[in-house]
Amino acid sequence: LDGAQADLFNSAVWVLTPLETSDDATFAQVNSIIASL
């Protein structure tokens, strides 16, 4: 926790790993939230 910082993810790559059956809406929403970080 001592190393936590709000800008840690700026310009970082964040991989999402959907399955073949993943819900499109779920993927799009999670992607949107993560991109906002």
Full PDB file with SEQRES, HELIX, SHEET, SSBOND, CRYST1, ORIGX, SCALE, CONECT and MASTER records, all heavy atoms in Angstrom:
SEQRES   1 A   37  LEU ASP GLY ALA GLN ALA ASP LEU PHE ASN SER ALA VAL          
SEQRES   2 A   37  TRP VAL LEU THR PRO LEU GLU THR SER ASP ASP ALA THR          
SEQRES   3 A   37  PHE ALA GLN VAL ASN SER ILE ILE ALA SER LEU                  
HELIX    1 AA1 ASP A   24  SER A   36  1                                  13    
CRYST1    1.000    1.000    1.000  90.00  90.00  90.00 P 1           1          
ORIGX1      1.000000  0.000000  0.000000        0.00000                         
ORIGX2      0.000000  1.000000  0.000000        0.00000                         
ORIGX3      0.000000  0.000000  1.000000        0.00000                         
SCALE1      1.000000  0.000000  0.000000        0.00000                         
SCALE2      0.000000  1.000000  0.000000        0.00000                         
SCALE3      0.000000  0.000000  1.000000        0.00000                         
ATOM      1  N   LEU A   1       0.814  -1.212   0.000  1.00  0.00           N  
ATOM      2  CA  LEU A   1       0.000   0.000   0.000  1.00  0.00           C  
ATOM      3  C   LEU A   1       0.846   1.260   0.000  1.00  0.00           C  
ATOM      4  O   LEU A   1       0.449   2.291  -0.572  1.00  0.00           O  
ATOM      5  CB  LEU A   1      -0.926  -0.018   1.221  1.00  0.00           C  
ATOM      6  CG  LEU A   1      -2.003   1.067   1.309  1.00  0.00           C  
ATOM      7  CD1 LEU A   1      -2.977   0.974   0.154  1.00  0.00           C  
ATOM      8  CD2 LEU A   1      -2.733   0.964   2.647  1.00  0.00           C  
ATOM      9  N   ASP A   2       2.028   1.201   0.619  1.00  0.00           N  
ATOM     10  CA  ASP A   2       2.895   2.385   0.680  1.00  0.00           C  
ATOM     11  C   ASP A   2       3.328   2.838  -0.711  1.00  0.00           C  
ATOM     12  O   ASP A   2       3.648   4.017  -0.911  1.00  0.00           O  
ATOM     13  CB  ASP A   2       4.138   2.096   1.527  1.00  0.00           C  
ATOM     14  CG  ASP A   2       3.808   1.931   3.006  1.00  0.00           C  
ATOM     15  OD1 ASP A   2       2.747   2.421   3.417  1.00  0.00           O  
ATOM     16  OD2 ASP A   2       4.595   1.292   3.734  1.00  0.00           O  
ATOM     17  N   GLY A   3       3.348   1.923  -1.668  1.00  0.00           N  
ATOM     18  CA  GLY A   3       3.774   2.284  -3.021  1.00  0.00           C  
ATOM     19  C   GLY A   3       2.638   2.683  -3.944  1.00  0.00           C  
ATOM     20  O   GLY A   3       2.875   3.057  -5.100  1.00  0.00           O  
ATOM     21  N   ALA A   4       1.399   2.616  -3.453  1.00  0.00           N  
ATOM     22  CA  ALA A   4       0.233   2.903  -4.309  1.00  0.00           C  
ATOM     23  C   ALA A   4       0.247   4.342  -4.785  1.00  0.00           C  
ATOM     24  O   ALA A   4       0.545   5.267  -4.024  1.00  0.00           O  
ATOM     25  CB  ALA A   4      -1.052   2.617  -3.545  1.00  0.00           C  
ATOM     26  N   GLN A   5      -0.096   4.535  -6.061  1.00  0.00           N  
ATOM     27  CA  GLN A   5      -0.144   5.875  -6.638  1.00  0.00           C  
ATOM     28  C   GLN A   5      -1.219   5.928  -7.709  1.00  0.00           C  
ATOM     29  O   GLN A   5      -1.404   4.985  -8.476  1.00  0.00           O  
ATOM     30  CB  GLN A   5       1.215   6.263  -7.207  1.00  0.00           C  
ATOM     31  CG  GLN A   5       1.785   5.274  -8.210  1.00  0.00           C  
ATOM     32  CD  GLN A   5       3.237   5.524  -8.526  1.00  0.00           C  
ATOM     33  OE1 GLN A   5       4.127   5.190  -7.740  1.00  0.00           O  
ATOM     34  NE2 GLN A   5       3.476   6.144  -9.672  1.00  0.00           N  
ATOM     35  N   ALA A   6      -1.915   7.052  -7.774  1.00  0.00           N  
ATOM     36  CA  ALA A   6      -3.058   7.184  -8.677  1.00  0.00           C  
ATOM     37  C   ALA A   6      -2.659   7.165 -10.143  1.00  0.00           C  
ATOM     38  O   ALA A   6      -3.465   6.801 -11.004  1.00  0.00           O  
ATOM     39  CB  ALA A   6      -3.814   8.480  -8.360  1.00  0.00           C  
ATOM     40  N   ASP A   7      -1.431   7.531 -10.472  1.00  0.00           N  
ATOM     41  CA  ASP A   7      -1.023   7.614 -11.876  1.00  0.00           C  
ATOM     42  C   ASP A   7      -0.216   6.397 -12.329  1.00  0.00           C  
ATOM     43  O   ASP A   7       0.438   6.442 -13.371  1.00  0.00           O  
ATOM     44  CB  ASP A   7      -0.216   8.892 -12.117  1.00  0.00           C  
ATOM     45  CG  ASP A   7       1.080   8.934 -11.308  1.00  0.00           C  
ATOM     46  OD1 ASP A   7       1.295   8.031 -10.469  1.00  0.00           O  
ATOM     47  OD2 ASP A   7       1.873   9.873 -11.506  1.00  0.00           O  
ATOM     48  N   LEU A   8      -0.270   5.310 -11.574  1.00  0.00           N  
ATOM     49  CA  LEU A   8       0.543   4.135 -11.895  1.00  0.00           C  
ATOM     50  C   LEU A   8       0.231   3.576 -13.282  1.00  0.00           C  
ATOM     51  O   LEU A   8       1.105   3.021 -13.950  1.00  0.00           O  
ATOM     52  CB  LEU A   8       0.316   3.041 -10.845  1.00  0.00           C  
ATOM     53  CG  LEU A   8       1.187   1.789 -10.968  1.00  0.00           C  
ATOM     54  CD1 LEU A   8       2.655   2.131 -10.710  1.00  0.00           C  
ATOM     55  CD2 LEU A   8       0.731   0.698 -10.004  1.00  0.00           C  
ATOM     56  N   PHE A   9      -1.021   3.737 -13.738  1.00  0.00           N  
ATOM     57  CA  PHE A   9      -1.431   3.091 -14.987  1.00  0.00           C  
ATOM     58  C   PHE A   9      -1.397   4.031 -16.200  1.00  0.00           C  
ATOM     59  O   PHE A   9      -1.774   3.614 -17.298  1.00  0.00           O  
ATOM     60  CB  PHE A   9      -2.830   2.498 -14.816  1.00  0.00           C  
ATOM     61  CG  PHE A   9      -2.953   1.655 -13.584  1.00  0.00           C  
ATOM     62  CD1 PHE A   9      -3.688   2.083 -12.487  1.00  0.00           C  
ATOM     63  CD2 PHE A   9      -2.278   0.450 -13.485  1.00  0.00           C  
ATOM     64  CE1 PHE A   9      -3.782   1.330 -11.339  1.00  0.00           C  
ATOM     65  CE2 PHE A   9      -2.358  -0.323 -12.336  1.00  0.00           C  
ATOM     66  CZ  PHE A   9      -3.107   0.124 -11.252  1.00  0.00           C  
ATOM     67  N   ASN A  10      -0.960   5.258 -16.001  1.00  0.00           N  
ATOM     68  CA  ASN A  10      -0.865   6.183 -17.125  1.00  0.00           C  
ATOM     69  C   ASN A  10       0.083   5.634 -18.186  1.00  0.00           C  
ATOM     70  O   ASN A  10       1.266   5.398 -17.913  1.00  0.00           O  
ATOM     71  CB  ASN A  10      -0.372   7.556 -16.663  1.00  0.00           C  
ATOM     72  CG  ASN A  10      -1.425   8.327 -15.899  1.00  0.00           C  
ATOM     73  OD1 ASN A  10      -2.593   7.928 -15.859  1.00  0.00           O  
ATOM     74  ND2 ASN A  10      -1.033   9.427 -15.285  1.00  0.00           N  
ATOM     75  N   SER A  11      -0.434   5.406 -19.381  1.00  0.00           N  
ATOM     76  CA  SER A  11       0.326   4.886 -20.529  1.00  0.00           C  
ATOM     77  C   SER A  11       0.793   3.441 -20.351  1.00  0.00           C  
ATOM     78  O   SER A  11       1.549   2.938 -21.184  1.00  0.00           O  
ATOM     79  CB  SER A  11       1.538   5.777 -20.830  1.00  0.00           C  
ATOM     80  OG  SER A  11       1.130   7.092 -21.147  1.00  0.00           O  
ATOM     81  N   ALA A  12       0.349   2.777 -19.293  1.00  0.00           N  
ATOM     82  CA  ALA A  12       0.707   1.362 -19.113  1.00  0.00           C  
ATOM     83  C   ALA A  12      -0.207   0.483 -19.963  1.00  0.00           C  
ATOM     84  O   ALA A  12      -1.362   0.824 -20.216  1.00  0.00           O  
ATOM     85  CB  ALA A  12       0.574   0.968 -17.641  1.00  0.00           C  
ATOM     86  N   VAL A  13       0.310  -0.658 -20.401  1.00  0.00           N  
ATOM     87  CA  VAL A  13      -0.511  -1.634 -21.117  1.00  0.00           C  
ATOM     88  C   VAL A  13      -1.297  -2.447 -20.090  1.00  0.00           C  
ATOM     89  O   VAL A  13      -0.739  -2.927 -19.106  1.00  0.00           O  
ATOM     90  CB  VAL A  13       0.359  -2.564 -21.979  1.00  0.00           C  
ATOM     91  CG1 VAL A  13      -0.474  -3.714 -22.530  1.00  0.00           C  
ATOM     92  CG2 VAL A  13       1.001  -1.777 -23.117  1.00  0.00           C  
ATOM     93  N   TRP A  14      -2.586  -2.572 -20.332  1.00  0.00           N  
ATOM     94  CA  TRP A  14      -3.456  -3.373 -19.451  1.00  0.00           C  
ATOM     95  C   TRP A  14      -4.115  -4.424 -20.331  1.00  0.00           C  
ATOM     96  O   TRP A  14      -4.904  -4.110 -21.215  1.00  0.00           O  
ATOM     97  CB  TRP A  14      -4.506  -2.488 -18.799  1.00  0.00           C  
ATOM     98  CG  TRP A  14      -5.257  -3.108 -17.647  1.00  0.00           C  
ATOM     99  CD1 TRP A  14      -5.836  -4.340 -17.598  1.00  0.00           C  
ATOM    100  CD2 TRP A  14      -5.525  -2.493 -16.373  1.00  0.00           C  
ATOM    101  NE1 TRP A  14      -6.448  -4.538 -16.392  1.00  0.00           N  
ATOM    102  CE2 TRP A  14      -6.270  -3.424 -15.611  1.00  0.00           C  
ATOM    103  CE3 TRP A  14      -5.224  -1.257 -15.814  1.00  0.00           C  
ATOM    104  CZ2 TRP A  14      -6.715  -3.142 -14.323  1.00  0.00           C  
ATOM    105  CZ3 TRP A  14      -5.652  -0.990 -14.530  1.00  0.00           C  
ATOM    106  CH2 TRP A  14      -6.385  -1.916 -13.793  1.00  0.00           C  
ATOM    107  N   VAL A  15      -3.763  -5.682 -20.121  1.00  0.00           N  
ATOM    108  CA  VAL A  15      -4.270  -6.762 -20.962  1.00  0.00           C  
ATOM    109  C   VAL A  15      -5.607  -7.258 -20.424  1.00  0.00           C  
ATOM    110  O   VAL A  15      -5.755  -7.493 -19.225  1.00  0.00           O  
ATOM    111  CB  VAL A  15      -3.272  -7.941 -21.007  1.00  0.00           C  
ATOM    112  CG1 VAL A  15      -3.767  -9.013 -21.981  1.00  0.00           C  
ATOM    113  CG2 VAL A  15      -1.884  -7.457 -21.405  1.00  0.00           C  
ATOM    114  N   LEU A  16      -6.578  -7.407 -21.314  1.00  0.00           N  
ATOM    115  CA  LEU A  16      -7.823  -8.088 -20.993  1.00  0.00           C  
ATOM    116  C   LEU A  16      -7.814  -9.434 -21.708  1.00  0.00           C  
ATOM    117  O   LEU A  16      -7.342  -9.533 -22.846  1.00  0.00           O  
ATOM    118  CB  LEU A  16      -9.036  -7.263 -21.414  1.00  0.00           C  
ATOM    119  CG  LEU A  16      -9.293  -5.981 -20.617  1.00  0.00           C  
ATOM    120  CD1 LEU A  16     -10.535  -5.264 -21.137  1.00  0.00           C  
ATOM    121  CD2 LEU A  16      -9.439  -6.271 -19.125  1.00  0.00           C  
ATOM    122  N   THR A  17      -8.346 -10.460 -21.044  1.00  0.00           N  
ATOM    123  CA  THR A  17      -8.249 -11.817 -21.590  1.00  0.00           C  
ATOM    124  C   THR A  17      -9.633 -12.458 -21.693  1.00  0.00           C  
ATOM    125  O   THR A  17      -9.969 -13.375 -20.932  1.00  0.00           O  
ATOM    126  CB  THR A  17      -7.322 -12.680 -20.713  1.00  0.00           C  
ATOM    127  OG1 THR A  17      -7.770 -12.618 -19.349  1.00  0.00           O  
ATOM    128  CG2 THR A  17      -5.896 -12.178 -20.782  1.00  0.00           C  
ATOM    129  N   PRO A  18     -10.448 -11.998 -22.633  1.00  0.00           N  
ATOM    130  CA  PRO A  18     -11.791 -12.577 -22.794  1.00  0.00           C  
ATOM    131  C   PRO A  18     -11.723 -13.985 -23.363  1.00  0.00           C  
ATOM    132  O   PRO A  18     -10.761 -14.362 -24.050  1.00  0.00           O  
ATOM    133  CB  PRO A  18     -12.446 -11.618 -23.789  1.00  0.00           C  
ATOM    134  CG  PRO A  18     -11.297 -11.088 -24.594  1.00  0.00           C  
ATOM    135  CD  PRO A  18     -10.169 -10.940 -23.618  1.00  0.00           C  
ATOM    136  N   LEU A  19     -12.744 -14.757 -23.072  1.00  0.00           N  
ATOM    137  CA  LEU A  19     -12.919 -16.071 -23.677  1.00  0.00           C  
ATOM    138  C   LEU A  19     -13.719 -15.936 -24.960  1.00  0.00           C  
ATOM    139  O   LEU A  19     -14.254 -14.863 -25.279  1.00  0.00           O  
ATOM    140  CB  LEU A  19     -13.645 -17.005 -22.706  1.00  0.00           C  
ATOM    141  CG  LEU A  19     -12.954 -17.269 -21.373  1.00  0.00           C  
ATOM    142  CD1 LEU A  19     -13.863 -18.081 -20.469  1.00  0.00           C  
ATOM    143  CD2 LEU A  19     -11.633 -17.997 -21.592  1.00  0.00           C  
ATOM    144  N   GLU A  20     -13.825 -17.027 -25.704  1.00  0.00           N  
ATOM    145  CA  GLU A  20     -14.605 -17.007 -26.941  1.00  0.00           C  
ATOM    146  C   GLU A  20     -16.069 -16.698 -26.663  1.00  0.00           C  
ATOM    147  O   GLU A  20     -16.786 -16.172 -27.532  1.00  0.00           O  
ATOM    148  CB  GLU A  20     -14.493 -18.348 -27.652  1.00  0.00           C  
ATOM    149  CG  GLU A  20     -13.062 -18.758 -28.020  1.00  0.00           C  
ATOM    150  CD  GLU A  20     -12.312 -19.390 -26.851  1.00  0.00           C  
ATOM    151  OE1 GLU A  20     -12.884 -19.468 -25.735  1.00  0.00           O  
ATOM    152  OE2 GLU A  20     -11.156 -19.803 -27.054  1.00  0.00           O  
ATOM    153  N   THR A  21     -16.530 -17.007 -25.462  1.00  0.00           N  
ATOM    154  CA  THR A  21     -17.941 -16.820 -25.107  1.00  0.00           C  
ATOM    155  C   THR A  21     -18.186 -15.567 -24.271  1.00  0.00           C  
ATOM    156  O   THR A  21     -19.294 -15.371 -23.766  1.00  0.00           O  
ATOM    157  CB  THR A  21     -18.427 -18.046 -24.310  1.00  0.00           C  
ATOM    158  OG1 THR A  21     -17.569 -18.247 -23.180  1.00  0.00           O  
ATOM    159  CG2 THR A  21     -18.412 -19.296 -25.183  1.00  0.00           C  
ATOM    160  N   SER A  22     -17.174 -14.732 -24.092  1.00  0.00           N  
ATOM    161  CA  SER A  22     -17.326 -13.550 -23.235  1.00  0.00           C  
ATOM    162  C   SER A  22     -18.415 -12.618 -23.750  1.00  0.00           C  
ATOM    163  O   SER A  22     -18.605 -12.454 -24.965  1.00  0.00           O  
ATOM    164  CB  SER A  22     -16.002 -12.783 -23.147  1.00  0.00           C  
ATOM    165  OG  SER A  22     -15.048 -13.520 -22.427  1.00  0.00           O  
ATOM    166  N   ASP A  23     -19.116 -11.987 -22.801  1.00  0.00           N  
ATOM    167  CA  ASP A  23     -20.198 -11.065 -23.140  1.00  0.00           C  
ATOM    168  C   ASP A  23     -19.622  -9.768 -23.698  1.00  0.00           C  
ATOM    169  O   ASP A  23     -18.746  -9.143 -23.085  1.00  0.00           O  
ATOM    170  CB  ASP A  23     -21.021 -10.781 -21.875  1.00  0.00           C  
ATOM    171  CG  ASP A  23     -22.203  -9.890 -22.154  1.00  0.00           C  
ATOM    172  OD1 ASP A  23     -23.196 -10.380 -22.730  1.00  0.00           O  
ATOM    173  OD2 ASP A  23     -22.138  -8.690 -21.802  1.00  0.00           O  
ATOM    174  N   ASP A  24     -20.125  -9.334 -24.862  1.00  0.00           N  
ATOM    175  CA  ASP A  24     -19.603  -8.136 -25.507  1.00  0.00           C  
ATOM    176  C   ASP A  24     -19.777  -6.890 -24.644  1.00  0.00           C  
ATOM    177  O   ASP A  24     -18.880  -6.043 -24.546  1.00  0.00           O  
ATOM    178  CB  ASP A  24     -20.285  -7.914 -26.863  1.00  0.00           C  
ATOM    179  CG  ASP A  24     -19.821  -8.913 -27.912  1.00  0.00           C  
ATOM    180  OD1 ASP A  24     -18.729  -9.487 -27.735  1.00  0.00           O  
ATOM    181  OD2 ASP A  24     -20.543  -9.113 -28.903  1.00  0.00           O  
ATOM    182  N   ALA A  25     -20.935  -6.758 -24.015  1.00  0.00           N  
ATOM    183  CA  ALA A  25     -21.200  -5.575 -23.196  1.00  0.00           C  
ATOM    184  C   ALA A  25     -20.257  -5.529 -21.998  1.00  0.00           C  
ATOM    185  O   ALA A  25     -19.734  -4.463 -21.650  1.00  0.00           O  
ATOM    186  CB  ALA A  25     -22.654  -5.577 -22.733  1.00  0.00           C  
ATOM    187  N   THR A  26     -20.019  -6.671 -21.364  1.00  0.00           N  
ATOM    188  CA  THR A  26     -19.090  -6.726 -20.235  1.00  0.00           C  
ATOM    189  C   THR A  26     -17.696  -6.318 -20.668  1.00  0.00           C  
ATOM    190  O   THR A  26     -17.039  -5.497 -20.025  1.00  0.00           O  
ATOM    191  CB  THR A  26     -19.058  -8.143 -19.627  1.00  0.00           C  
ATOM    192  OG1 THR A  26     -20.334  -8.438 -19.071  1.00  0.00           O  
ATOM    193  CG2 THR A  26     -17.994  -8.260 -18.548  1.00  0.00           C  
ATOM    194  N   PHE A  27     -17.243  -6.881 -21.785  1.00  0.00           N  
ATOM    195  CA  PHE A  27     -15.910  -6.550 -22.273  1.00  0.00           C  
ATOM    196  C   PHE A  27     -15.797  -5.061 -22.563  1.00  0.00           C  
ATOM    197  O   PHE A  27     -14.820  -4.407 -22.169  1.00  0.00           O  
ATOM    198  CB  PHE A  27     -15.590  -7.349 -23.539  1.00  0.00           C  
ATOM    199  CG  PHE A  27     -14.262  -6.987 -24.147  1.00  0.00           C  
ATOM    200  CD1 PHE A  27     -13.091  -7.558 -23.659  1.00  0.00           C  
ATOM    201  CD2 PHE A  27     -14.176  -6.068 -25.177  1.00  0.00           C  
ATOM    202  CE1 PHE A  27     -11.868  -7.210 -24.204  1.00  0.00           C  
ATOM    203  CE2 PHE A  27     -12.954  -5.714 -25.719  1.00  0.00           C  
ATOM    204  CZ  PHE A  27     -11.800  -6.292 -25.238  1.00  0.00           C  
ATOM    205  N   ALA A  28     -16.783  -4.491 -23.242  1.00  0.00           N  
ATOM    206  CA  ALA A  28     -16.741  -3.072 -23.609  1.00  0.00           C  
ATOM    207  C   ALA A  28     -16.743  -2.186 -22.367  1.00  0.00           C  
ATOM    208  O   ALA A  28     -16.021  -1.184 -22.300  1.00  0.00           O  
ATOM    209  CB  ALA A  28     -17.915  -2.730 -24.512  1.00  0.00           C  
ATOM    210  N   GLN A  29     -17.547  -2.536 -21.362  1.00  0.00           N  
ATOM    211  CA  GLN A  29     -17.621  -1.712 -20.155  1.00  0.00           C  
ATOM    212  C   GLN A  29     -16.338  -1.784 -19.335  1.00  0.00           C  
ATOM    213  O   GLN A  29     -15.848  -0.756 -18.849  1.00  0.00           O  
ATOM    214  CB  GLN A  29     -18.814  -2.151 -19.303  1.00  0.00           C  
ATOM    215  CG  GLN A  29     -20.171  -1.826 -19.926  1.00  0.00           C  
ATOM    216  CD  GLN A  29     -21.317  -2.488 -19.175  1.00  0.00           C  
ATOM    217  OE1 GLN A  29     -21.323  -2.539 -17.951  1.00  0.00           O  
ATOM    218  NE2 GLN A  29     -22.283  -3.014 -19.904  1.00  0.00           N  
ATOM    219  N   VAL A  30     -15.786  -2.985 -19.173  1.00  0.00           N  
ATOM    220  CA  VAL A  30     -14.534  -3.115 -18.433  1.00  0.00           C  
ATOM    221  C   VAL A  30     -13.421  -2.370 -19.162  1.00  0.00           C  
ATOM    222  O   VAL A  30     -12.612  -1.665 -18.554  1.00  0.00           O  
ATOM    223  CB  VAL A  30     -14.165  -4.601 -18.231  1.00  0.00           C  
ATOM    224  CG1 VAL A  30     -12.766  -4.731 -17.606  1.00  0.00           C  
ATOM    225  CG2 VAL A  30     -15.191  -5.283 -17.337  1.00  0.00           C  
ATOM    226  N   ASN A  31     -13.383  -2.510 -20.485  1.00  0.00           N  
ATOM    227  CA  ASN A  31     -12.403  -1.791 -21.282  1.00  0.00           C  
ATOM    228  C   ASN A  31     -12.513  -0.291 -21.073  1.00  0.00           C  
ATOM    229  O   ASN A  31     -11.524   0.413 -20.889  1.00  0.00           O  
ATOM    230  CB  ASN A  31     -12.592  -2.119 -22.767  1.00  0.00           C  
ATOM    231  CG  ASN A  31     -11.828  -1.165 -23.663  1.00  0.00           C  
ATOM    232  OD1 ASN A  31     -10.616  -1.258 -23.793  1.00  0.00           O  
ATOM    233  ND2 ASN A  31     -12.526  -0.215 -24.260  1.00  0.00           N  
ATOM    234  N   SER A  32     -13.729   0.233 -21.076  1.00  0.00           N  
ATOM    235  CA  SER A  32     -13.944   1.670 -20.921  1.00  0.00           C  
ATOM    236  C   SER A  32     -13.446   2.159 -19.564  1.00  0.00           C  
ATOM    237  O   SER A  32     -12.799   3.213 -19.463  1.00  0.00           O  
ATOM    238  CB  SER A  32     -15.431   1.987 -21.090  1.00  0.00           C  
ATOM    239  OG  SER A  32     -15.677   3.361 -20.867  1.00  0.00           O  
ATOM    240  N   ILE A  33     -13.740   1.419 -18.513  1.00  0.00           N  
ATOM    241  CA  ILE A  33     -13.319   1.823 -17.169  1.00  0.00           C  
ATOM    242  C   ILE A  33     -11.795   1.816 -17.059  1.00  0.00           C  
ATOM    243  O   ILE A  33     -11.184   2.755 -16.538  1.00  0.00           O  
ATOM    244  CB  ILE A  33     -13.950   0.894 -16.115  1.00  0.00           C  
ATOM    245  CG1 ILE A  33     -15.471   1.101 -16.061  1.00  0.00           C  
ATOM    246  CG2 ILE A  33     -13.340   1.150 -14.730  1.00  0.00           C  
ATOM    247  CD1 ILE A  33     -16.217   0.048 -15.257  1.00  0.00           C  
ATOM    248  N   ILE A  34     -11.171   0.768 -17.574  1.00  0.00           N  
ATOM    249  CA  ILE A  34      -9.718   0.664 -17.491  1.00  0.00           C  
ATOM    250  C   ILE A  34      -9.039   1.744 -18.331  1.00  0.00           C  
ATOM    251  O   ILE A  34      -8.061   2.366 -17.895  1.00  0.00           O  
ATOM    252  CB  ILE A  34      -9.272  -0.742 -17.919  1.00  0.00           C  
ATOM    253  CG1 ILE A  34      -9.678  -1.750 -16.839  1.00  0.00           C  
ATOM    254  CG2 ILE A  34      -7.772  -0.796 -18.170  1.00  0.00           C  
ATOM    255  CD1 ILE A  34      -9.470  -3.186 -17.219  1.00  0.00           C  
ATOM    256  N   ALA A  35      -9.569   1.997 -19.526  1.00  0.00           N  
ATOM    257  CA  ALA A  35      -8.999   3.049 -20.364  1.00  0.00           C  
ATOM    258  C   ALA A  35      -9.099   4.406 -19.681  1.00  0.00           C  
ATOM    259  O   ALA A  35      -8.223   5.274 -19.845  1.00  0.00           O  
ATOM    260  CB  ALA A  35      -9.706   3.078 -21.721  1.00  0.00           C  
ATOM    261  N   SER A  36     -10.154   4.614 -18.884  1.00  0.00           N  
ATOM    262  CA  SER A  36     -10.315   5.897 -18.190  1.00  0.00           C  
ATOM    263  C   SER A  36      -9.235   6.105 -17.135  1.00  0.00           C  
ATOM    264  O   SER A  36      -9.004   7.230 -16.692  1.00  0.00           O  
ATOM    265  CB  SER A  36     -11.700   5.971 -17.537  1.00  0.00           C  
ATOM    266  OG  SER A  36     -11.772   5.176 -16.366  1.00  0.00           O  
ATOM    267  N   LEU A  37      -8.557   5.026 -16.721  1.00  0.00           N  
ATOM    268  CA  LEU A  37      -7.471   5.136 -15.745  1.00  0.00           C  
ATOM    269  C   LEU A  37      -6.152   5.503 -16.415  1.00  0.00           C  
ATOM    270  O   LEU A  37      -5.127   5.612 -15.737  1.00  0.00           O  
ATOM    271  CB  LEU A  37      -7.310   3.821 -14.974  1.00  0.00           C  
ATOM    272  CG  LEU A  37      -8.546   3.285 -14.245  1.00  0.00           C  
ATOM    273  CD1 LEU A  37      -8.193   2.037 -13.449  1.00  0.00           C  
ATOM    274  CD2 LEU A  37      -9.161   4.343 -13.346  1.00  0.00           C  
TER     275      LEU A  37                                                      
MASTER        0    0    0    1    0    0    0    6  274    1    0    3          
END                                                                             
